[in-house]
């Protein structure tokens, strides 16, 4: 006997069927999955560094966060 495991969608909280048939798991829908992706892409979500702050080293190396030259 197999029981379905349900967990809340990390985006909206609706119950999610965690079986392989749910291609959006752990999300409830494509919409919630894309909203989450957007949060990562616009850096609303970040993985904190060891001290609890976001690691900005790679951003600094790429030139982000530097003052623009004045003309």
Foldseek 3Di string as FASTA:
>chain_A
DDDWDWFAAPQPGDTDGPDPVQVQPVHRDPVSSVVVVVCVVVVVDADADPVRHGDCVVVVVVPPPDDDDDD
